[in-house]
């Protein structure tokens, strides 16, 4: 699928260049602390966390949820 979106590649070991990614990592840490072995969690548990995060509005998306922003992009 062609989206006509620019792609930016960050430099290695430069977390400040990818703020949204780092923020999402922080949100994931609320559910899975750093070093968590994800293999001990069921696919349903991980899917529930993904659904919770995708239903959370984000400032960077004008307070839309990631799911809403993706839906808008695909229309």
C-alpha atoms as a PDB file:
ATOM      1  CA  UNK A   1       0.000   0.000   0.000  1.00  0.00           C
ATOM      2  CA  UNK A   2       1.337   3.425  -0.886  1.00  0.00           C
ATOM      3  CA  UNK A   3       0.668   6.104   1.737  1.00  0.00           C
ATOM      4  CA  UNK A   4       2.820   8.964   0.401  1.00  0.00           C
ATOM      5  CA  UNK A   5       4.339   9.278   3.886  1.00  0.00           C
ATOM      6  CA  UNK A   6       7.916  10.267   4.493  1.00  0.00           C
ATOM      7  CA  UNK A   7      10.018   7.770   6.426  1.00  0.00           C
ATOM      8  CA  UNK A   8      12.641   8.954   8.901  1.00  0.00           C
ATOM      9  CA  UNK A   9      15.472   6.704  10.006  1.00  0.00           C
ATOM     10  CA  UNK A  10      16.930   7.562  13.411  1.00  0.00           C
ATOM     11  CA  UNK A  11      20.553   7.200  14.332  1.00  0.00           C
ATOM     12  CA  UNK A  12      21.429   4.224  16.551  1.00  0.00           C
ATOM     13  CA  UNK A  13      21.580   4.934  20.311  1.00  0.00           C
ATOM     14  CA  UNK A  14      19.735   8.275  19.953  1.00  0.00           C
ATOM     15  CA  UNK A  15      16.399   7.756  21.797  1.00  0.00           C
ATOM     16  CA  UNK A  16      15.567  11.488  21.657  1.00  0.00           C
ATOM     17  CA  UNK A  17      15.188  11.138  17.880  1.00  0.00           C
ATOM     18  CA  UNK A  18      12.259   8.767  18.319  1.00  0.00           C
ATOM     19  CA  UNK A  19      10.171  10.263  21.095  1.00  0.00           C
ATOM     20  CA  UNK A  20       6.883   8.588  20.181  1.00  0.00           C
ATOM     21  CA  UNK A  21       8.568   5.183  20.160  1.00  0.00           C
ATOM     22  CA  UNK A  22      10.152   5.839  23.557  1.00  0.00           C
ATOM     23  CA  UNK A  23       6.787   6.995  24.926  1.00  0.00           C
ATOM     24  CA  UNK A  24       5.143   3.798  23.684  1.00  0.00           C
ATOM     25  CA  UNK A  25       7.901   1.752  25.329  1.00  0.00           C
ATOM     26  CA  UNK A  26       7.094   3.543  28.591  1.00  0.00           C
ATOM     27  CA  UNK A  27       3.406   2.713  28.211  1.00  0.00           C
ATOM     28  CA  UNK A  28       4.282  -0.948  27.604  1.00  0.00           C
ATOM     29  CA  UNK A  29       6.442  -0.952  30.759  1.00  0.00           C
ATOM     30  CA  UNK A  30       3.248  -0.268  32.780  1.00  0.00           C
ATOM     31  CA  UNK A  31       2.145  -3.774  31.806  1.00  0.00           C
ATOM     32  CA  UNK A  32       5.459  -5.545  31.253  1.00  0.00           C
ATOM     33  CA  UNK A  33       8.454  -4.332  33.297  1.00  0.00           C
ATOM     34  CA  UNK A  34      11.807  -4.247  31.536  1.00  0.00           C
ATOM     35  CA  UNK A  35      13.262  -7.724  31.259  1.00  0.00           C
ATOM     36  CA  UNK A  36       9.864  -9.440  31.337  1.00  0.00           C
ATOM     37  CA  UNK A  37       9.822 -12.798  29.602  1.00  0.00           C
ATOM     38  CA  UNK A  38       6.848 -12.371  27.269  1.00  0.00           C
ATOM     39  CA  UNK A  39       6.697 -16.108  26.608  1.00  0.00           C
ATOM     40  CA  UNK A  40       5.067 -16.590  30.029  1.00  0.00           C
ATOM     41  CA  UNK A  41       2.111 -14.453  28.925  1.00  0.00           C
ATOM     42  CA  UNK A  42      -0.654 -15.817  26.749  1.00  0.00           C
ATOM     43  CA  UNK A  43      -1.438 -14.401  23.324  1.00  0.00           C
ATOM     44  CA  UNK A  44      -4.752 -13.219  24.807  1.00  0.00           C
ATOM     45  CA  UNK A  45      -2.969 -11.243  27.559  1.00  0.00           C
ATOM     46  CA  UNK A  46      -0.662  -9.573  25.051  1.00  0.00           C
ATOM     47  CA  UNK A  47      -3.579  -8.841  22.703  1.00  0.00           C
ATOM     48  CA  UNK A  48      -5.476  -7.243  25.608  1.00  0.00           C
ATOM     49  CA  UNK A  49      -2.523  -4.920  26.316  1.00  0.00           C
ATOM     50  CA  UNK A  50      -2.286  -4.035  22.608  1.00  0.00           C
ATOM     51  CA  UNK A  51      -6.028  -3.294  22.537  1.00  0.00           C
ATOM     52  CA  UNK A  52      -5.760  -1.113  25.654  1.00  0.00           C
ATOM     53  CA  UNK A  53      -2.862   0.891  24.194  1.00  0.00           C
ATOM     54  CA  UNK A  54      -4.553   1.220  20.793  1.00  0.00           C
ATOM     55  CA  UNK A  55      -7.664   2.579  22.532  1.00  0.00           C
ATOM     56  CA  UNK A  56      -5.674   5.255  24.400  1.00  0.00           C
ATOM     57  CA  UNK A  57      -5.771   8.753  22.845  1.00  0.00           C
ATOM     58  CA  UNK A  58      -2.382  10.293  22.018  1.00  0.00           C
ATOM     59  CA  UNK A  59      -1.411  13.948  21.975  1.00  0.00           C
ATOM     60  CA  UNK A  60       0.767  13.372  18.895  1.00  0.00           C
ATOM     61  CA  UNK A  61      -2.345  12.151  17.045  1.00  0.00           C
ATOM     62  CA  UNK A  62      -4.477  15.205  17.969  1.00  0.00           C
ATOM     63  CA  UNK A  63      -6.004  13.165  20.796  1.00  0.00           C
ATOM     64  CA  UNK A  64      -7.177  10.392  18.473  1.00  0.00           C
ATOM     65  CA  UNK A  65      -6.442   6.808  19.354  1.00  0.00           C
ATOM     66  CA  UNK A  66      -3.879   4.951  17.227  1.00  0.00           C
ATOM     67  CA  UNK A  67      -6.738   2.821  15.883  1.00  0.00           C
ATOM     68  CA  UNK A  68      -8.702   5.959  14.876  1.00  0.00           C
ATOM     69  CA  UNK A  69      -5.640   7.515  13.239  1.00  0.00           C
ATOM     70  CA  UNK A  70      -4.920   4.336  11.260  1.00  0.00           C
ATOM     71  CA  UNK A  71      -8.556   4.068  10.203  1.00  0.00           C
ATOM     72  CA  UNK A  72      -8.498   7.695   9.037  1.00  0.00           C
ATOM     73  CA  UNK A  73      -5.271   7.112   7.100  1.00  0.00           C
ATOM     74  CA  UNK A  74      -6.639   4.024   5.358  1.00  0.00           C
ATOM     75  CA  UNK A  75      -9.853   5.736   4.218  1.00  0.00           C
END
